[in-house]
Protein backbone atom coordinates (compact mmCIF):
# COMPACT_ATOMS: atom_id res chain seq x y z
CA UNK A 1 -113.05 8.05 367.57
CA UNK A 2 -109.41 6.90 366.34
CA UNK A 3 -109.05 3.30 366.21
CA UNK A 4 -107.35 1.69 369.28
CA UNK A 5 -103.82 0.74 368.83
CA UNK A 6 -102.22 -2.08 371.11
CA UNK A 7 -98.49 -1.57 372.43
CA UNK A 8 -96.66 -4.30 373.39
CA UNK A 9 -94.29 -4.74 376.48
CA UNK A 10 -91.93 -7.09 377.17
CA UNK A 11 -92.99 -8.03 380.35
CA UNK A 12 -96.32 -8.26 381.51
CA UNK A 13 -98.03 -5.37 380.55
CA UNK A 14 -99.07 -3.98 376.68
CA UNK A 15 -100.66 -0.46 376.29
CA UNK A 16 -103.49 0.91 373.95
CA UNK A 17 -104.57 4.47 373.62
CA UNK A 18 -107.32 6.37 371.85
CA UNK A 19 -107.05 10.37 370.54
CA UNK A 20 -110.09 11.06 372.43
CA UNK A 21 -109.88 13.86 374.43
CA UNK A 22 -111.45 17.03 375.85
CA UNK A 23 -108.79 19.75 374.70
CA UNK A 24 -105.57 20.06 374.02
CA UNK A 25 -102.66 22.21 372.19
CA UNK A 26 -100.11 21.50 369.42
CA UNK A 27 -97.34 23.04 367.84
CA UNK A 28 -93.94 22.08 366.06
CA UNK A 29 -90.46 21.19 368.13
CA UNK A 30 -88.01 21.63 365.07
CA UNK A 31 -88.45 19.02 362.48
CA UNK A 32 -91.07 17.00 364.57
CA UNK A 33 -94.69 18.09 366.07
CA UNK A 34 -95.85 18.14 369.80
CA UNK A 35 -99.21 17.45 370.88
CA UNK A 36 -100.35 18.01 374.33
CA UNK A 37 -104.07 16.41 375.29
CA UNK A 38 -105.81 17.22 378.33
CA UNK A 39 -108.30 14.39 379.34
CA UNK A 40 -107.41 11.84 376.80
CA UNK A 41 -109.14 8.47 377.25
CA UNK A 42 -106.59 5.91 377.53
CA UNK A 43 -106.53 1.69 378.27
CA UNK A 44 -103.92 -0.02 379.80
CA UNK A 45 -104.19 -4.28 378.62
CA UNK A 46 -102.46 -6.36 380.08
CA UNK A 47 -102.22 -9.33 377.36
CA UNK A 48 -99.59 -11.45 380.34
CA UNK A 49 -96.37 -12.58 379.44
CA UNK A 50 -94.88 -11.88 375.82
CA UNK A 51 -93.06 -14.94 375.86
CA UNK A 52 -96.38 -17.13 375.74
CA UNK A 53 -97.33 -15.34 372.46
CA UNK A 54 -93.58 -16.19 370.70
CA UNK A 55 -94.15 -19.96 371.83
CA UNK A 56 -97.72 -19.92 370.28
CA UNK A 57 -99.26 -20.28 373.46
CA UNK A 58 -102.83 -18.46 374.38
CA UNK A 59 -102.34 -15.02 375.71
CA UNK A 60 -104.05 -13.43 378.24
CA UNK A 61 -105.02 -15.00 381.55
CA UNK A 62 -107.16 -18.23 382.23
CA UNK A 63 -110.49 -17.22 383.19
CA UNK A 64 -113.43 -18.83 384.53
CA UNK A 65 -116.45 -17.17 382.77
CA UNK A 66 -118.78 -18.48 385.49
CA UNK A 67 -117.27 -17.66 388.65
CA UNK A 68 -114.89 -15.30 387.88
CA UNK A 69 -111.96 -17.01 389.06
CA UNK A 70 -108.64 -16.60 387.82
CA UNK A 71 -104.77 -17.78 388.04
CA UNK A 72 -101.62 -16.44 386.75
CA UNK A 73 -100.25 -17.24 383.17
CA UNK A 74 -97.19 -18.57 384.90
CA UNK A 75 -98.97 -21.02 387.12
CA UNK A 76 -97.72 -23.81 384.83
CA UNK A 77 -99.26 -27.46 385.53
CA UNK A 78 -101.86 -25.53 388.02
CA UNK A 79 -103.70 -24.13 385.09
CA UNK A 80 -104.48 -27.82 383.69
CA UNK A 81 -105.77 -28.43 386.85
CA UNK A 82 -107.71 -25.17 387.22
CA UNK A 83 -109.35 -26.06 384.15
CA UNK A 84 -110.46 -29.48 385.14
CA UNK A 85 -111.72 -28.35 388.33
CA UNK A 86 -113.89 -25.65 386.75
CA UNK A 87 -114.83 -28.04 383.59
CA UNK A 88 -116.44 -30.18 386.80
CA UNK A 89 -117.94 -27.20 389.10
CA UNK A 90 -118.86 -24.59 386.50
CA UNK A 91 -119.17 -26.29 382.96
CA UNK A 92 -117.30 -27.58 379.91
CA UNK A 93 -115.38 -24.44 378.35
CA UNK A 94 -116.24 -22.34 381.44
CA UNK A 95 -112.19 -21.44 381.19
CA UNK A 96 -110.97 -19.46 378.90
CA UNK A 97 -108.05 -17.02 377.93
CA UNK A 98 -108.84 -13.16 378.45
CA UNK A 99 -106.64 -10.25 378.26
CA UNK A 100 -107.40 -7.74 381.23
CA UNK A 101 -107.67 -3.88 380.71
CA UNK A 102 -108.51 -0.55 382.42
CA UNK A 103 -109.77 2.52 381.26
CA UNK A 104 -108.85 5.59 382.61
CA UNK A 105 -108.54 9.49 381.41
CA UNK A 106 -105.75 11.59 382.05
CA UNK A 107 -102.95 13.92 380.11
CA UNK A 108 -101.41 12.38 377.01
CA UNK A 109 -98.31 14.25 375.08
CA UNK A 110 -97.17 13.20 371.85
CA UNK A 111 -93.69 14.07 369.82
CA UNK A 112 -93.02 12.74 366.58
CA UNK A 113 -92.75 11.79 364.13
CA UNK A 114 -89.58 9.80 363.94
CA UNK A 115 -88.51 7.74 360.96
CA UNK A 116 -86.80 5.07 363.04
CA UNK A 117 -88.40 3.41 366.26
CA UNK A 118 -85.08 2.99 368.21
CA UNK A 119 -84.95 6.76 367.97
CA UNK A 120 -88.28 7.17 369.32
CA UNK A 121 -87.68 5.02 372.07
CA UNK A 122 -84.20 6.87 372.98
CA UNK A 123 -85.89 10.40 372.83
CA UNK A 124 -88.92 8.97 375.11
CA UNK A 125 -86.29 7.35 377.64
CA UNK A 126 -84.15 10.57 377.89
CA UNK A 127 -86.80 12.91 378.14
CA UNK A 128 -88.08 10.98 381.11
CA UNK A 129 -84.60 10.61 382.66
CA UNK A 130 -84.53 14.37 382.17
CA UNK A 131 -88.19 15.22 383.74
CA UNK A 132 -87.54 12.92 386.80
CA UNK A 133 -84.11 15.25 387.28
CA UNK A 134 -85.61 18.50 386.29
CA UNK A 135 -89.19 18.17 387.93
CA UNK A 136 -88.15 16.28 390.96
CA UNK A 137 -90.41 13.15 389.87
CA UNK A 138 -90.31 9.74 391.10
CA UNK A 139 -90.22 7.28 388.37
CA UNK A 140 -94.26 6.15 388.30
CA UNK A 141 -95.11 9.98 387.93
CA UNK A 142 -95.00 9.68 384.07
CA UNK A 143 -94.75 6.73 381.71
CA UNK A 144 -94.46 6.24 378.10
CA UNK A 145 -94.41 4.14 374.82
CA UNK A 146 -93.84 4.20 371.27
CA UNK A 147 -96.39 3.76 368.66
CA UNK A 148 -95.70 2.70 365.02
CA UNK A 149 -98.27 4.16 362.90
CA UNK A 150 -99.62 3.15 359.56
CA UNK A 151 -97.28 5.04 357.52
CA UNK A 152 -94.44 3.28 359.56
CA UNK A 153 -93.39 6.18 361.38
CA UNK A 154 -92.99 6.08 365.03
CA UNK A 155 -94.51 8.29 367.80
CA UNK A 156 -93.57 8.98 371.64
CA UNK A 157 -96.59 9.03 373.54
CA UNK A 158 -96.08 9.80 377.46
CA UNK A 159 -98.87 9.86 379.86
CA UNK A 160 -99.72 10.76 383.15
CA UNK A 161 -100.35 7.47 385.19
CA UNK A 162 -102.82 9.67 387.43
CA UNK A 163 -106.47 9.37 386.74
CA UNK A 164 -107.06 13.19 385.71
CA UNK A 165 -103.76 14.23 385.43
CA UNK A 166 -101.44 15.22 387.84
CA UNK A 167 -99.90 18.54 385.84
CA UNK A 168 -96.48 17.19 385.01
CA UNK A 169 -97.11 16.89 381.50
CA UNK A 170 -97.78 20.59 381.44
CA UNK A 171 -94.69 21.31 382.95
CA UNK A 172 -92.49 19.04 380.72
CA UNK A 173 -94.57 21.09 377.87
CA UNK A 174 -93.59 24.55 378.98
CA UNK A 175 -90.09 23.56 380.69
CA UNK A 176 -88.97 21.42 377.62
CA UNK A 177 -85.64 22.90 377.40
CA UNK A 178 -84.97 22.29 380.80
CA UNK A 179 -85.98 19.03 380.71
CA UNK A 180 -83.43 18.32 377.90
CA UNK A 181 -80.53 19.94 379.59
CA UNK A 182 -80.93 17.91 382.92
CA UNK A 183 -81.21 14.77 380.75
CA UNK A 184 -78.00 15.40 378.53
CA UNK A 185 -76.17 16.15 381.83
CA UNK A 186 -77.40 12.71 383.06
CA UNK A 187 -76.60 10.99 379.93
CA UNK A 188 -73.40 12.70 379.05
CA UNK A 189 -71.90 12.42 382.45
CA UNK A 190 -71.77 8.51 382.44
CA UNK A 191 -68.78 6.56 381.68
CA UNK A 192 -70.79 3.24 380.64
CA UNK A 193 -70.43 2.16 376.41
CA UNK A 194 -74.13 2.19 375.48
CA UNK A 195 -76.26 2.78 378.41
CA UNK A 196 -76.52 1.60 382.16
CA UNK A 197 -78.81 1.73 385.20
CA UNK A 198 -76.79 4.98 386.04
CA UNK A 199 -78.22 6.72 382.62
CA UNK A 200 -80.84 5.49 380.96
CA UNK A 201 -81.84 1.73 381.97
CA UNK A 202 -84.43 0.84 384.35
CA UNK A 203 -86.32 -2.08 385.75
CA UNK A 204 -89.41 -0.39 384.18
CA UNK A 205 -88.01 -0.09 380.45
CA UNK A 206 -86.58 -3.21 380.17
CA UNK A 207 -88.39 -3.96 377.06
CA UNK A 208 -86.35 -1.40 375.51
CA UNK A 209 -82.41 -2.32 376.85
CA UNK A 210 -81.46 -3.49 373.59
CA UNK A 211 -81.88 -0.50 371.41
CA UNK A 212 -80.95 1.99 374.31
CA UNK A 213 -78.08 4.12 373.47
CA UNK A 214 -76.95 7.33 375.57
CA UNK A 215 -74.79 8.69 372.66
CA UNK A 216 -77.47 8.56 370.13
CA UNK A 217 -80.06 9.59 373.15
CA UNK A 218 -77.80 12.71 373.21
CA UNK A 219 -77.88 13.33 369.78
CA UNK A 220 -81.68 13.59 369.46
CA UNK A 221 -81.82 15.59 372.76
CA UNK A 222 -79.27 18.22 370.98
CA UNK A 223 -81.63 18.36 367.81
CA UNK A 224 -84.71 18.87 369.62
CA UNK A 225 -83.62 21.19 372.09
CA UNK A 226 -85.90 24.13 371.85
CA UNK A 227 -88.81 25.56 373.04
CA UNK A 228 -92.19 24.03 372.14
CA UNK A 229 -93.60 26.83 369.84
CA UNK A 230 -97.29 26.94 370.53
CA UNK A 231 -99.15 26.66 367.10
CA UNK A 232 -102.88 26.11 367.91
CA UNK A 233 -105.35 25.20 370.38
CA UNK A 234 -106.92 21.39 369.63
CA UNK A 235 -110.80 21.27 369.77
CA UNK A 236 -112.20 18.58 371.87
CA UNK A 237 -113.04 15.61 370.12
CA UNK A 238 -116.10 14.35 371.47
CA UNK A 239 -119.27 14.78 369.95
CA UNK A 240 -121.03 15.11 373.32
CA UNK A 241 -118.89 15.02 376.25
CA UNK A 242 -120.54 13.59 379.15
CA UNK A 243 -121.69 15.91 381.85
CA UNK A 244 -121.17 18.65 379.97
CA UNK A 245 -118.39 21.30 379.73
CA UNK A 246 -115.37 19.27 377.89
CA UNK A 247 -112.81 21.88 379.93
CA UNK A 248 -114.30 20.67 383.57
CA UNK A 249 -111.92 20.40 386.29
CA UNK A 250 -111.93 16.96 388.00
CA UNK A 251 -114.59 16.30 390.80
CA UNK A 252 -112.46 17.03 393.69
CA UNK A 253 -111.41 20.24 391.99
CA UNK A 254 -114.73 21.41 391.22
CA UNK A 255 -116.24 20.38 394.36
CA UNK A 256 -113.44 22.55 395.94
CA UNK A 257 -114.62 25.63 393.98
CA UNK A 258 -118.12 25.10 394.76
CA UNK A 259 -117.51 24.82 398.53
CA UNK A 260 -115.54 28.18 398.30
CA UNK A 261 -118.33 29.86 396.23
CA UNK A 262 -120.92 28.46 398.52
CA UNK A 263 -119.09 30.06 401.61
CA UNK A 264 -118.41 33.30 400.02
CA UNK A 265 -114.62 32.80 399.43
CA UNK A 266 -112.55 34.71 396.90
CA UNK A 267 -112.04 32.02 394.25
CA UNK A 268 -108.55 31.33 393.54
CA UNK A 269 -107.33 33.35 390.33
CA UNK A 270 -104.80 30.58 389.59
CA UNK A 271 -105.46 26.85 388.78
CA UNK A 272 -102.52 24.41 388.09
CA UNK A 273 -99.97 26.99 389.06
CA UNK A 274 -96.64 26.22 388.63
CA UNK A 275 -94.26 27.25 391.52
CA UNK A 276 -90.10 27.03 391.06
CA UNK A 277 -88.58 26.75 394.24
CA UNK A 278 -85.10 28.19 394.93
CA UNK A 279 -83.11 25.04 393.95
CA UNK A 280 -84.71 24.87 390.49
CA UNK A 281 -86.98 22.33 391.56
CA UNK A 282 -90.78 22.57 390.38
CA UNK A 283 -94.10 21.92 391.79
CA UNK A 284 -97.52 22.13 390.66
CA UNK A 285 -100.73 23.47 392.96
CA UNK A 286 -104.02 22.77 392.04
CA UNK A 287 -104.85 26.07 393.39
CA UNK A 288 -103.11 29.49 394.30
CA UNK A 289 -103.64 33.01 395.07
CA UNK A 290 -100.45 33.93 393.88
CA UNK A 291 -100.34 37.90 395.39
CA UNK A 292 -100.96 36.04 398.95
CA UNK A 293 -98.69 33.37 398.40
CA UNK A 294 -101.30 30.90 399.21
CA UNK A 295 -101.04 27.44 397.85
CA UNK A 296 -103.86 24.66 397.90
CA UNK A 297 -103.13 21.00 397.56
CA UNK A 298 -106.01 18.48 396.88
CA UNK A 299 -104.72 14.90 397.10
CA UNK A 300 -106.53 11.62 397.59
CA UNK A 301 -105.53 9.36 394.52
CA UNK A 302 -104.25 5.88 395.40
CA UNK A 303 -101.48 6.63 393.15
CA UNK A 304 -99.91 8.66 395.48
CA UNK A 305 -100.22 6.85 398.63
CA UNK A 306 -96.91 5.07 398.22
CA UNK A 307 -94.45 6.39 401.06
CA UNK A 308 -91.75 7.55 398.86
CA UNK A 309 -94.32 9.61 397.00
CA UNK A 310 -95.64 11.06 400.13
CA UNK A 311 -92.09 11.91 401.72
CA UNK A 312 -91.37 13.51 398.52
CA UNK A 313 -94.58 15.44 398.79
CA UNK A 314 -93.92 16.71 402.43
CA UNK A 315 -90.06 17.55 401.70
CA UNK A 316 -91.28 19.88 399.05
CA UNK A 317 -94.16 21.74 401.16
CA UNK A 318 -91.29 22.31 403.62
CA UNK A 319 -89.65 23.66 401.03
CA UNK A 320 -92.26 25.99 400.17
CA UNK A 321 -93.03 27.41 403.25
CA UNK A 322 -89.37 28.18 403.88
CA UNK A 323 -89.75 30.18 400.77
CA UNK A 324 -92.76 31.97 402.52
CA UNK A 325 -95.31 30.26 401.00
CA UNK A 326 -98.61 29.12 403.19
CA UNK A 327 -99.77 25.64 401.95
CA UNK A 328 -103.55 24.75 402.40
CA UNK A 329 -103.21 20.78 402.44
CA UNK A 330 -106.62 18.31 401.79
CA UNK A 331 -107.76 14.75 400.69
CA UNK A 332 -110.35 14.35 398.18
CA UNK A 333 -112.00 12.39 400.45
CA UNK A 334 -112.14 15.60 403.22
CA UNK A 335 -114.43 17.37 400.80
CA UNK A 336 -117.25 15.24 401.98
CA UNK A 337 -116.29 15.59 405.73
CA UNK A 338 -117.93 18.46 407.58
CA UNK A 339 -115.22 18.78 410.20
CA UNK A 340 -112.14 18.71 407.79
CA UNK A 341 -113.96 21.54 405.71
CA UNK A 342 -114.13 23.63 408.68
CA UNK A 343 -110.59 23.19 409.35
CA UNK A 344 -109.28 23.90 406.22
CA UNK A 345 -111.68 26.81 405.74
CA UNK A 346 -110.47 28.50 408.66
CA UNK A 347 -106.73 28.09 407.61
CA UNK A 348 -107.59 29.67 404.31
CA UNK A 349 -109.50 32.70 405.86
CA UNK A 350 -106.74 33.13 408.25
CA UNK A 351 -104.33 33.06 405.20
CA UNK A 352 -106.26 35.41 402.81
CA UNK A 353 -106.95 37.78 405.81
CA UNK A 354 -110.43 36.91 406.45
CA UNK A 355 -110.13 35.02 409.70
């Protein structure tokens, strides 16, 4: 296992990543490399406001180790009262300052090395802007940070915040030139001096506002606007993958395949199937029978429960139906509901000519 690295945000979140993964591929992109890891182990670390560290104050969150109560590090005078009350009720020194973290498994794309951190930042934010346009994504569908490694060079790390991965990074890898083209259109059509909220700036990348420059970003996109040439597969680097096969599907996807096999349905010939819509946008179906133009979507992660994402999914699936595709939708939770399963399989049987 590689060492954990901490990446600092200027807001309240900072990140770390490990290179443990279940499989991957790598190749060249001009003078730099690309590496796409499937089911990489990622850790989100929240060390509290960066301003506390700059001011020499304890970092993290005030947390009672006895009862588990916690307060915001921005609570000011309330923190002293919090410490006093818990010293009385839970014991002296019960309150400590601690970082909070969450571990999850998802996909990770690395691009680098670049000699300057500012170049890595500009390439990353331009690529994210282009991906949002080309793949019709929301702002939170892919996120990224820059890692400076021991040799002083910088790497762009773009990750999928959906546990297990939504498939967007694979689409970025396959359609990198389209992503670059959309990004260049966004940033070169702007008339701001360096960067603004119409091109590169967002609420979420405030930590990078000081170094973002659309002219430098355009130069970097032009330099790296070429296919992501596949060089070789990357073997899983787990000594013993938990639960068996290192290339296993997500639990919901595997449950669906088991369900089909148990009911004597034909298994889908395609998984994580990319469809290009007439308007040029792309969508990724969990399973597909391309010859029958049947697509299956298994939803269910809370990350995709936001109303704006639900609306975008709804519009995409209307476009698919208008293009002649037959759509089967279900949630991961419905895989445990007999009535819901029967409804989905009845619909699928009709589409596949079994009903």
